[in-house]
Amino acid sequence: MFNSPETVTQHLSAHSPPSGDARHEPADFHAGNPFVCVSSVLRRLLLQAEVAAPRLQLAALEGEPGTGKHLFAQTIHHHSGLAHLSFRQRDAREWLANESDISELSGSLYLDRVDLLAPVGQGLLLNLVKSLQNEAATPRRLLLLVSAHASLRKLASQGTFLPDLAFRLTAVRFALPPLREHREDIASIAQTLIDGICRRYQQPTAVLAQGTLPRLLQHSWPGNVRELASVLESAILDSTTGVIRPGDLALQIPHEIHPPPSTGAAQLPDLSGDLSLDAAVHRHIQFVLQLNRNNKLRAARQLGISRSTLYRLLAGEQLSRETE
């Protein structure tokens, strides 16, 4: 049973990440699901998984939502020696409430969001972990992986998570960094996502126009890889040419919008001209379009209306006739 982070560090010191052009190759493609890593931080994490997986019985995956914990869990399963057996993903709360029996399980069990467990659920999981660890002398047939958005040890220090359970689960811990901390991977991850999205919709692979990648690199990605996938899928479905332009990206970079400097007094709107509600709506629509560089899909989303409604309003349809 592998249960020491220090042992992983020793292995890593003898397997430093490749240098030169080799580091730009995507790592570990299996079952059509690649865990793409270019940056040193992800390559080191992947190497840690490859070294630890064959001897793992229990491990925790921690990281913000959308950082790829599920995909990384599949990667661990692939390298564990149990890849010929099943990989099961379950919500920790639901599984513990309805099943919580490991006696007949084999392969890998991935319990998601253990940080949301109530005290009763934590107690059930602790008993399960103790049972699993008591079987360490028997041939290994089950790998238990758990995920959390928050640090389990930090939760334990705050009194909201059982310390014994937290320390058992995090004896081997993989911390997946947010996308903003490894921007070197954005280009490769984006291309992999584009390829997968286009395959799913059975259309030729889309390409990034000049200037699109810099916008992807500038964004802070609070939703991490999941947000990147959503933005790219929206752009691909909205494109009629197969080319993703900067304006097709449904994201907003805060520093791109510069409000006028405040003078300390409230600024009154321009009261000249047409003061009807329809005219005010039209002016606001034009303002939102300018903010979004005339990207109508993104403007419609920010306005909270459908794109067809936006087109009708731009064509001069009166607000009083709008029913959406």
Protein backbone atom coordinates (compact mmCIF):
# COMPACT_ATOMS: atom_id res chain seq x y z
CA MET A 1 0.00 0.00 0.00
CA PHE A 2 1.41 3.38 -1.01
CA ASN A 3 0.58 5.93 1.66
CA SER A 4 3.45 8.40 1.89
CA PRO A 5 3.73 11.70 -0.05
CA GLU A 6 7.45 11.72 0.81
CA THR A 7 7.90 8.50 -1.14
CA VAL A 8 6.37 10.17 -4.19
CA THR A 9 8.78 13.09 -3.79
CA GLN A 10 11.71 10.69 -3.76
CA HIS A 11 10.53 9.11 -6.99
CA LEU A 12 9.96 12.51 -8.55
CA SER A 13 13.49 13.64 -7.81
CA ALA A 14 14.73 10.83 -10.01
CA HIS A 15 12.20 11.60 -12.79
CA SER A 16 12.39 15.29 -13.57
CA PRO A 17 10.12 16.60 -16.36
CA PRO A 18 11.58 16.33 -19.85
CA SER A 19 13.26 19.38 -21.27
CA GLY A 20 13.23 20.90 -24.71
CA ASP A 21 10.51 20.28 -27.28
CA ALA A 22 9.32 17.11 -25.56
CA ARG A 23 7.57 19.11 -22.87
CA HIS A 24 5.14 20.51 -25.43
CA GLU A 25 3.67 17.08 -26.21
CA PRO A 26 0.26 16.33 -24.67
CA ALA A 27 0.61 13.64 -22.03
CA ASP A 28 -1.46 10.53 -21.47
CA PHE A 29 -4.21 9.91 -23.99
CA HIS A 30 -6.40 6.97 -23.05
CA ALA A 31 -9.87 5.84 -23.99
CA GLY A 32 -10.26 8.99 -26.05
CA ASN A 33 -9.99 11.19 -22.94
CA PRO A 34 -6.68 13.05 -22.73
CA PHE A 35 -5.26 14.59 -19.61
CA VAL A 36 -3.36 17.34 -21.41
CA CYS A 37 -0.36 18.85 -19.67
CA VAL A 38 2.34 21.14 -20.98
CA SER A 39 3.18 23.08 -17.84
CA SER A 40 5.70 21.77 -15.34
CA VAL A 41 3.12 21.85 -12.55
CA LEU A 42 0.76 19.47 -14.37
CA ARG A 43 3.55 17.27 -15.68
CA ARG A 44 4.81 16.84 -12.15
CA LEU A 45 1.28 16.02 -10.98
CA LEU A 46 0.87 13.44 -13.73
CA LEU A 47 4.22 11.86 -12.88
CA GLN A 48 3.16 11.70 -9.25
CA ALA A 49 0.03 9.82 -10.31
CA GLU A 50 1.97 7.42 -12.53
CA VAL A 51 4.42 6.60 -9.73
CA ALA A 52 1.80 6.25 -7.00
CA ALA A 53 -1.11 4.62 -8.86
CA PRO A 54 0.13 0.99 -9.02
CA ARG A 55 0.29 0.86 -5.20
CA LEU A 56 -2.56 3.18 -4.28
CA GLN A 57 -5.52 2.08 -2.22
CA LEU A 58 -6.89 5.49 -1.26
CA ALA A 59 -6.27 9.07 -2.43
CA ALA A 60 -7.88 12.50 -2.33
CA LEU A 61 -8.19 14.91 -5.26
CA GLU A 62 -8.65 18.54 -4.23
CA GLY A 63 -9.19 21.61 -6.35
CA GLU A 64 -11.61 24.28 -7.49
CA PRO A 65 -14.68 23.30 -9.53
CA GLY A 66 -13.84 22.56 -13.15
CA THR A 67 -10.13 21.80 -12.66
CA GLY A 68 -10.42 18.28 -14.09
CA LYS A 69 -10.52 16.12 -10.97
CA HIS A 70 -12.77 13.51 -12.60
CA LEU A 71 -10.49 13.22 -15.63
CA PHE A 72 -7.43 13.01 -13.37
CA ALA A 73 -9.15 10.26 -11.38
CA GLN A 74 -9.61 8.32 -14.61
CA THR A 75 -5.93 8.84 -15.32
CA ILE A 76 -5.01 7.36 -11.93
CA HIS A 77 -7.34 4.43 -12.63
CA HIS A 78 -5.64 3.89 -15.98
CA HIS A 79 -2.22 3.61 -14.31
CA SER A 80 -3.38 1.70 -11.23
CA GLY A 81 -3.21 -1.85 -12.53
CA LEU A 82 -7.00 -2.02 -12.19
CA ALA A 83 -7.73 -0.47 -15.57
CA HIS A 84 -9.26 -3.75 -16.77
CA LEU A 85 -11.90 -3.34 -14.06
CA SER A 86 -14.68 -0.77 -13.84
CA PHE A 87 -14.40 2.92 -12.98
CA ARG A 88 -17.43 4.16 -11.05
CA GLN A 89 -18.21 7.80 -10.28
CA ARG A 90 -20.75 8.54 -7.55
CA ASP A 91 -21.83 11.57 -5.53
CA ALA A 92 -20.45 10.82 -2.07
CA ARG A 93 -23.65 11.81 -0.25
CA GLU A 94 -25.93 9.74 -2.47
CA TRP A 95 -23.68 6.68 -2.50
CA LEU A 96 -23.19 6.61 1.27
CA ALA A 97 -26.92 7.04 1.84
CA ASN A 98 -27.96 4.25 -0.53
CA GLU A 99 -25.07 1.80 -0.87
CA SER A 100 -21.86 2.26 1.17
CA ASP A 101 -20.89 -1.41 0.85
CA ILE A 102 -17.44 -2.11 -0.56
CA SER A 103 -17.41 -5.86 0.07
CA GLU A 104 -18.35 -6.72 -3.52
CA LEU A 105 -16.71 -3.78 -5.29
CA SER A 106 -13.68 -3.98 -7.54
CA GLY A 107 -11.91 -1.50 -9.77
CA SER A 108 -11.99 2.21 -8.90
CA LEU A 109 -14.69 4.03 -6.96
CA TYR A 110 -14.62 7.82 -7.31
CA LEU A 111 -16.69 9.60 -4.65
CA ASP A 112 -17.31 13.21 -5.56
CA ARG A 113 -17.66 16.16 -3.13
CA VAL A 114 -16.83 14.48 0.18
CA ASP A 115 -16.34 18.01 1.57
CA LEU A 116 -20.14 18.40 1.51
CA LEU A 117 -20.77 15.39 3.74
CA ALA A 118 -22.74 15.99 6.92
CA PRO A 119 -21.33 14.54 10.17
CA VAL A 120 -23.37 11.35 9.74
CA GLY A 121 -21.99 10.87 6.22
CA GLN A 122 -18.46 11.55 7.43
CA GLY A 123 -18.87 8.84 10.05
CA LEU A 124 -20.07 6.35 7.44
CA LEU A 125 -17.13 7.19 5.18
CA LEU A 126 -14.68 6.86 8.07
CA ASN A 127 -15.97 3.36 8.79
CA LEU A 128 -15.67 2.47 5.13
CA VAL A 129 -12.09 3.76 4.96
CA LYS A 130 -11.13 1.83 8.11
CA SER A 131 -12.62 -1.33 6.60
CA LEU A 132 -10.70 -0.78 3.38
CA GLN A 133 -7.41 -0.15 5.17
CA ASN A 134 -7.88 -3.21 7.38
CA GLU A 135 -7.85 -5.28 4.21
CA ALA A 136 -4.44 -3.97 3.19
CA ALA A 137 -2.90 -7.41 3.53
CA THR A 138 -5.30 -8.95 1.00
CA PRO A 139 -4.75 -8.65 -2.78
CA ARG A 140 -5.68 -5.17 -3.91
CA ARG A 141 -8.90 -5.08 -5.93
CA LEU A 142 -10.43 -1.69 -5.04
CA LEU A 143 -9.06 1.83 -5.39
CA LEU A 144 -11.03 4.52 -3.53
CA LEU A 145 -10.65 8.06 -4.85
CA VAL A 146 -12.43 11.03 -3.28
CA SER A 147 -12.74 14.61 -4.49
CA ALA A 148 -13.26 17.90 -2.70
CA HIS A 149 -13.37 21.54 -3.70
CA ALA A 150 -11.92 22.61 -0.36
CA SER A 151 -8.88 21.38 1.55
CA LEU A 152 -10.05 18.55 3.80
CA ARG A 153 -7.32 19.23 6.34
CA LYS A 154 -8.31 22.89 6.46
CA LEU A 155 -11.94 21.91 7.00
CA ALA A 156 -10.81 19.63 9.83
CA SER A 157 -8.88 22.49 11.43
CA GLN A 158 -12.05 24.59 11.25
CA GLY A 159 -14.06 21.90 13.01
CA THR A 160 -16.35 21.06 10.08
CA PHE A 161 -14.73 17.75 9.05
CA LEU A 162 -13.64 14.76 11.12
CA PRO A 163 -9.85 15.08 11.62
CA ASP A 164 -9.31 11.31 11.59
CA LEU A 165 -11.15 11.02 8.27
CA ALA A 166 -9.37 14.04 6.77
CA PHE A 167 -5.91 12.67 7.59
CA ARG A 168 -6.74 9.19 6.33
CA LEU A 169 -8.13 10.51 3.04
CA THR A 170 -5.24 12.91 2.40
CA ALA A 171 -2.33 10.61 3.19
CA VAL A 172 -1.96 10.73 -0.59
CA ARG A 173 -3.34 13.98 -1.96
CA PHE A 174 -3.38 15.39 -5.48
CA ALA A 175 -4.01 19.15 -5.59
CA LEU A 176 -5.19 20.24 -9.04
CA PRO A 177 -4.32 23.89 -9.66
CA PRO A 178 -6.79 26.39 -11.15
CA LEU A 179 -6.35 27.11 -14.85
CA ARG A 180 -5.12 30.66 -14.18
CA GLU A 181 -2.05 29.18 -12.48
CA HIS A 182 -0.94 27.13 -15.49
CA ARG A 183 -1.81 29.24 -18.51
CA GLU A 184 0.84 27.42 -20.56
CA ASP A 185 -1.70 24.59 -20.88
CA ILE A 186 -4.55 26.71 -22.26
CA ALA A 187 -3.59 26.38 -25.94
CA SER A 188 -3.27 22.59 -25.80
CA ILE A 189 -6.35 22.12 -23.65
CA ALA A 190 -8.38 24.41 -25.93
CA GLN A 191 -7.37 22.48 -29.04
CA THR A 192 -8.19 19.16 -27.39
CA LEU A 193 -11.59 20.49 -26.34
CA ILE A 194 -12.26 21.86 -29.83
CA ASP A 195 -11.44 18.49 -31.39
CA GLY A 196 -13.74 16.68 -28.97
CA ILE A 197 -16.62 19.12 -29.38
CA CYS A 198 -16.44 18.96 -33.17
CA ARG A 199 -16.36 15.15 -33.09
CA ARG A 200 -19.43 15.15 -30.86
CA TYR A 201 -21.34 17.38 -33.28
CA GLN A 202 -19.93 15.53 -36.29
CA GLN A 203 -18.45 18.56 -37.97
CA PRO A 204 -14.97 19.50 -39.21
CA THR A 205 -12.56 20.67 -36.56
CA ALA A 206 -12.83 24.40 -35.92
CA VAL A 207 -9.74 26.61 -35.84
CA LEU A 208 -8.79 29.66 -33.82
CA ALA A 209 -8.50 32.89 -35.77
CA GLN A 210 -5.61 35.26 -35.18
CA GLY A 211 -6.14 37.05 -31.90
CA THR A 212 -8.40 34.41 -30.36
CA LEU A 213 -5.72 32.59 -28.38
CA PRO A 214 -4.43 35.83 -26.77
CA ARG A 215 -7.97 36.52 -25.52
CA LEU A 216 -8.14 33.02 -24.06
CA LEU A 217 -4.81 33.59 -22.35
CA GLN A 218 -5.92 36.93 -20.89
CA HIS A 219 -9.07 35.60 -19.25
CA SER A 220 -8.92 34.67 -15.55
CA TRP A 221 -11.10 31.53 -16.01
CA PRO A 222 -12.90 31.45 -12.65
CA GLY A 223 -14.74 28.35 -13.91
CA ASN A 224 -11.47 26.71 -14.96
CA VAL A 225 -11.44 24.07 -17.74
CA ARG A 226 -15.20 23.59 -17.49
CA GLU A 227 -15.71 27.27 -18.32
CA LEU A 228 -13.22 27.04 -21.19
CA ALA A 229 -15.12 24.07 -22.62
CA SER A 230 -18.43 25.93 -22.36
CA VAL A 231 -17.05 29.06 -24.05
CA LEU A 232 -15.54 27.04 -26.91
CA GLU A 233 -18.67 24.95 -27.44
CA SER A 234 -20.80 28.08 -27.63
CA ALA A 235 -18.40 29.66 -30.12
CA ILE A 236 -18.26 26.55 -32.29
CA LEU A 237 -22.04 26.23 -32.45
CA ASP A 238 -22.43 29.94 -33.21
CA SER A 239 -19.83 29.93 -35.99
CA THR A 240 -20.89 29.36 -39.59
CA THR A 241 -17.35 29.26 -40.97
CA GLY A 242 -15.55 26.90 -38.59
CA VAL A 243 -13.30 29.76 -37.52
CA ILE A 244 -13.47 30.97 -33.91
CA ARG A 245 -12.86 34.72 -33.83
CA PRO A 246 -12.12 36.75 -30.70
CA GLY A 247 -15.61 38.25 -30.84
CA ASP A 248 -17.17 34.77 -30.81
CA LEU A 249 -15.92 34.10 -27.28
CA ALA A 250 -18.72 34.57 -24.76
CA LEU A 251 -16.49 35.91 -22.04
CA GLN A 252 -15.79 39.29 -20.58
CA ILE A 253 -12.35 40.44 -19.51
CA PRO A 254 -12.91 42.98 -16.73
CA HIS A 255 -9.98 45.23 -17.59
CA GLU A 256 -11.27 45.73 -21.12
CA ILE A 257 -14.18 47.88 -19.93
CA HIS A 258 -13.12 51.29 -18.67
CA PRO A 259 -15.96 53.27 -17.02
CA PRO A 260 -15.65 57.04 -17.05
CA PRO A 261 -13.83 58.45 -14.01
CA SER A 262 -16.09 59.41 -11.14
CA THR A 263 -16.35 63.10 -10.26
CA GLY A 264 -17.90 62.34 -6.89
CA ALA A 265 -21.39 63.31 -8.05
CA ALA A 266 -24.03 61.15 -9.66
CA GLN A 267 -24.03 61.49 -13.45
CA LEU A 268 -27.44 62.21 -14.96
CA PRO A 269 -28.28 60.52 -18.29
CA ASP A 270 -28.65 62.56 -21.44
CA LEU A 271 -32.25 63.76 -21.31
CA SER A 272 -32.31 65.17 -24.85
CA GLY A 273 -34.14 63.50 -27.70
CA ASP A 274 -36.71 60.70 -27.51
CA LEU A 275 -37.50 59.83 -23.88
CA SER A 276 -39.83 56.91 -24.62
CA LEU A 277 -39.18 53.52 -23.04
CA ASP A 278 -38.63 51.98 -26.48
CA ALA A 279 -35.92 54.54 -27.25
CA ALA A 280 -34.27 53.96 -23.87
CA VAL A 281 -34.24 50.19 -24.49
CA HIS A 282 -32.73 50.71 -27.93
CA ARG A 283 -29.96 52.94 -26.50
CA HIS A 284 -29.19 50.36 -23.83
CA ILE A 285 -29.03 47.58 -26.41
CA GLN A 286 -26.58 49.62 -28.50
CA PHE A 287 -24.47 50.23 -25.39
CA VAL A 288 -24.33 46.49 -24.56
CA LEU A 289 -23.48 45.66 -28.18
CA GLN A 290 -20.58 48.12 -28.06
CA LEU A 291 -19.28 46.52 -24.87
CA ASN A 292 -19.36 43.15 -26.62
CA ARG A 293 -17.83 44.38 -29.88
CA ASN A 294 -21.11 43.76 -31.71
CA ASN A 295 -21.23 40.07 -30.70
CA LYS A 296 -25.01 39.60 -30.69
CA LEU A 297 -25.02 36.20 -29.01
CA ARG A 298 -23.02 37.46 -26.06
CA ALA A 299 -25.00 40.71 -25.88
CA ALA A 300 -28.29 38.79 -25.83
CA ARG A 301 -27.01 36.67 -22.96
CA GLN A 302 -26.04 39.73 -20.95
CA LEU A 303 -29.40 41.37 -21.68
CA GLY A 304 -31.23 38.23 -20.58
CA ILE A 305 -33.12 37.80 -23.87
CA SER A 306 -32.96 35.39 -26.77
CA ARG A 307 -30.94 36.25 -29.84
CA SER A 308 -34.11 36.27 -31.95
CA THR A 309 -35.64 38.81 -29.57
CA LEU A 310 -32.53 40.95 -29.89
CA TYR A 311 -32.77 40.90 -33.69
CA ARG A 312 -36.43 41.94 -33.56
CA LEU A 313 -35.69 44.83 -31.21
CA LEU A 314 -32.83 45.97 -33.42
CA ALA A 315 -35.18 45.84 -36.40
CA GLY A 316 -37.43 48.38 -34.68
CA GLU A 317 -40.12 46.21 -33.14
CA GLN A 318 -41.75 48.11 -30.29
CA LEU A 319 -41.20 46.91 -26.74
CA SER A 320 -44.96 46.95 -26.12
CA ARG A 321 -45.36 44.19 -28.72
CA GLU A 322 -42.61 41.99 -27.24
CA THR A 323 -43.99 39.01 -25.35
CA GLU A 324 -40.77 37.11 -24.50
